Each structure stands twice: as C-alpha cells, then as structure tokens.
Protein backbone atom coordinates (compact mmCIF):
# COMPACT_ATOMS: atom_id res chain seq x y z
CA UNK A 1 -39.17 20.49 23.07
CA UNK A 2 -37.04 21.09 20.00
CA UNK A 3 -35.32 18.30 18.13
CA UNK A 4 -32.07 19.31 16.50
CA UNK A 5 -30.55 16.79 14.09
CA UNK A 6 -26.82 16.39 14.45
CA UNK A 7 -24.53 15.04 11.79
CA UNK A 8 -20.83 14.35 11.87
CA UNK A 9 -18.30 13.48 9.23
CA UNK A 10 -14.75 12.29 9.29
CA UNK A 11 -12.11 13.05 6.70
CA UNK A 12 -8.96 10.99 6.51
CA UNK A 13 -5.97 12.02 4.48
CA UNK A 14 -3.33 9.49 3.54
CA UNK A 15 0.15 10.20 4.81
CA UNK A 16 2.15 10.53 1.62
CA UNK A 17 5.46 11.70 3.06
CA UNK A 18 7.05 8.88 1.07
CA UNK A 19 6.00 10.42 -2.24
CA UNK A 20 8.75 12.66 -3.67
CA UNK A 21 6.90 14.00 -6.74
CA UNK A 22 3.50 13.87 -8.41
CA UNK A 23 4.94 12.18 -11.50
CA UNK A 24 3.13 8.88 -12.09
CA UNK A 25 0.24 9.60 -9.73
CA UNK A 26 -2.10 10.20 -12.66
CA UNK A 27 -1.66 6.69 -14.06
CA UNK A 28 -1.88 4.21 -11.20
CA UNK A 29 -2.96 0.61 -11.77
CA UNK A 30 -5.72 -1.21 -9.89
CA UNK A 31 -4.48 -4.23 -7.93
CA UNK A 32 -5.76 -6.63 -5.27
CA UNK A 33 -3.84 -7.05 -2.03
CA UNK A 34 -3.67 -10.42 -0.24
CA UNK A 35 -4.17 -9.08 3.30
CA UNK A 36 -2.97 -12.18 5.25
CA UNK A 37 0.52 -11.60 3.81
CA UNK A 38 0.74 -8.14 5.41
CA UNK A 39 1.74 -7.35 9.01
CA UNK A 40 -0.57 -5.36 11.27
CA UNK A 41 1.11 -2.27 12.69
CA UNK A 42 3.71 -2.25 9.90
CA UNK A 43 1.70 -2.41 6.67
CA UNK A 44 -1.80 -1.76 7.95
CA UNK A 45 -3.74 -0.51 10.95
CA UNK A 46 -6.77 -2.38 12.15
CA UNK A 47 -7.64 -0.70 15.42
CA UNK A 48 -10.54 -1.91 17.52
CA UNK A 49 -11.35 -5.18 15.73
CA UNK A 50 -11.25 -3.28 12.42
CA UNK A 51 -14.47 -1.50 13.38
CA UNK A 52 -15.72 0.08 11.25
CA UNK A 53 -12.74 -0.73 9.00
CA UNK A 54 -8.97 -1.15 8.86
CA UNK A 55 -6.65 0.46 6.34
CA UNK A 56 -3.55 -0.56 4.43
CA UNK A 57 -1.09 2.32 4.60
CA UNK A 58 -0.19 4.49 1.66
CA UNK A 59 3.40 3.89 0.56
CA UNK A 60 3.69 0.18 1.36
CA UNK A 61 6.02 -1.48 -1.21
CA UNK A 62 4.44 -4.50 -2.91
CA UNK A 63 5.31 -7.43 -5.15
CA UNK A 64 3.06 -9.75 -7.13
CA UNK A 65 2.59 -13.34 -5.98
CA UNK A 66 3.09 -15.40 -9.15
CA UNK A 67 0.71 -18.23 -8.23
CA UNK A 68 -2.31 -16.14 -7.20
CA UNK A 69 -1.78 -12.88 -9.12
CA UNK A 70 -2.47 -11.00 -5.87
CA UNK A 71 -0.07 -8.53 -4.29
CA UNK A 72 1.76 -8.82 -1.00
CA UNK A 73 4.45 -6.83 0.77
CA UNK A 74 7.73 -6.60 -1.16
CA UNK A 75 10.30 -9.02 0.28
CA UNK A 76 13.74 -9.40 -1.36
CA UNK A 77 14.06 -12.85 0.30
CA UNK A 78 10.76 -14.20 -1.08
CA UNK A 79 10.66 -16.84 -3.83
CA UNK A 80 7.00 -16.39 -4.83
CA UNK A 81 7.30 -13.24 -6.97
CA UNK A 82 7.24 -10.71 -4.11
CA UNK A 83 11.02 -10.36 -4.45
CA UNK A 84 10.36 -8.08 -7.43
CA UNK A 85 9.25 -4.60 -6.41
CA UNK A 86 6.14 -3.87 -8.48
CA UNK A 87 5.36 -0.51 -6.87
CA UNK A 88 3.77 1.17 -3.88
CA UNK A 89 0.23 1.31 -2.50
CA UNK A 90 -0.70 4.83 -3.60
CA UNK A 91 -3.72 5.64 -1.43
CA UNK A 92 -4.76 4.13 1.86
CA UNK A 93 -6.93 1.10 1.15
CA UNK A 94 -9.79 0.53 3.62
CA UNK A 95 -11.06 -2.96 4.41
CA UNK A 96 -13.88 -4.44 6.49
CA UNK A 97 -13.43 -6.92 9.35
CA UNK A 98 -12.69 -10.41 8.02
CA UNK A 99 -11.87 -9.18 4.51
CA UNK A 100 -8.80 -10.89 2.99
CA UNK A 101 -8.71 -9.31 -0.46
CA UNK A 102 -8.34 -5.53 -0.64
CA UNK A 103 -8.54 -3.42 -3.81
CA UNK A 104 -5.84 -0.76 -4.03
CA UNK A 105 -4.11 1.68 -6.39
CA UNK A 106 -0.52 0.89 -7.41
CA UNK A 107 2.07 3.60 -8.08
CA UNK A 108 4.33 1.76 -10.51
CA UNK A 109 6.46 4.67 -11.71
CA UNK A 110 7.50 7.91 -10.09
CA UNK A 111 9.78 9.24 -7.35
CA UNK A 112 9.86 7.97 -3.76
CA UNK A 113 11.66 9.05 -0.58
CA UNK A 114 13.11 5.70 0.57
CA UNK A 115 13.54 6.87 4.18
CA UNK A 116 9.79 7.57 4.50
CA UNK A 117 8.44 4.26 3.15
CA UNK A 118 6.20 2.51 5.74
CA UNK A 119 8.03 -0.55 7.02
CA UNK A 120 11.21 0.66 5.30
CA UNK A 121 12.93 -0.40 2.10
CA UNK A 122 16.59 -1.20 1.46
CA UNK A 123 17.18 0.16 -2.04
CA UNK A 124 20.59 -1.53 -2.20
CA UNK A 125 18.78 -4.90 -2.33
CA UNK A 126 16.57 -4.02 -5.30
CA UNK A 127 17.32 -6.02 -8.44
CA UNK A 128 16.46 -4.97 -11.97
CA UNK A 129 13.66 -6.93 -13.60
CA UNK A 130 11.66 -6.16 -16.76
CA UNK A 131 8.41 -6.17 -14.73
CA UNK A 132 9.80 -4.18 -11.80
CA UNK A 133 8.48 -0.75 -10.88
CA UNK A 134 10.11 2.25 -12.51
CA UNK A 135 10.91 4.22 -9.38
CA UNK A 136 13.55 6.86 -8.74
CA UNK A 137 14.55 6.83 -5.08
CA UNK A 138 15.59 9.98 -3.29
C-alpha cells in the first residue's frame, strides 16, 4: 500500500470592477467595520453559517459612525456620521462566524466606477465635507 499525501489550496481574488484606476491604492487606511450595520447579500457574503469565514465585499462604500469610531455602510439618510462618504472597502475583508468587528483597508482617494459599486451609490446625493473621501466618479 502506498500513501500519497494530497494538498489543496484555494485562491480568492476580490472583484474590483468598481475600481476605475490604481491611483490611491498604494495609500489605503486601516479601519474597523461594525459588521451588524451591514446587510448580508448586499455588503457581505456569509454562506454556510460563515464556515469557514464570511467576507465583506470589495467596493462597499462606508462612513464613520461618530459615537463608536467604527465604520458602517454609507447612508445619505443616516444621522450618525455614516451620511459622509469616507471611502470604499478596498480588499475583501474575511471574518469568522460570530465576529462583529472586521479589520479592512479603506480607499479614501482615487477613481471609482459608480455603476459597479456593490449595493449601488447615488452620486447625486453626495455632499461635500472636509472629512469626506476624495473620489472621482466615472
């Protein structure tokens, strides 16, 4: 009898159709996402009970919750700080089952294809703010 070890690996590549140029991708900021604020199927995929992990999608627009300092999905109707677009989740952010805080990379300046943003974004509703992301929409 011969025993042959078998190994497998899986490579995932973030869907970055929303990214219009590489400008700004070399200077992302580290942020923490408040996962309960996000919507499964729109902002993240969890799959089979998040086993072995779920993932927040690349390209999700985010704002900063003033009270907690954590980031949630951008919402122009919010009154907690998320009404200011701070940027986009740059790379898919994996998380374990039950995890509520997720580290992520923030693209805060660059060029974005508005029609390809996960969950969509209405650029006509964006308001200028000194802390807002510096994004050119195509």
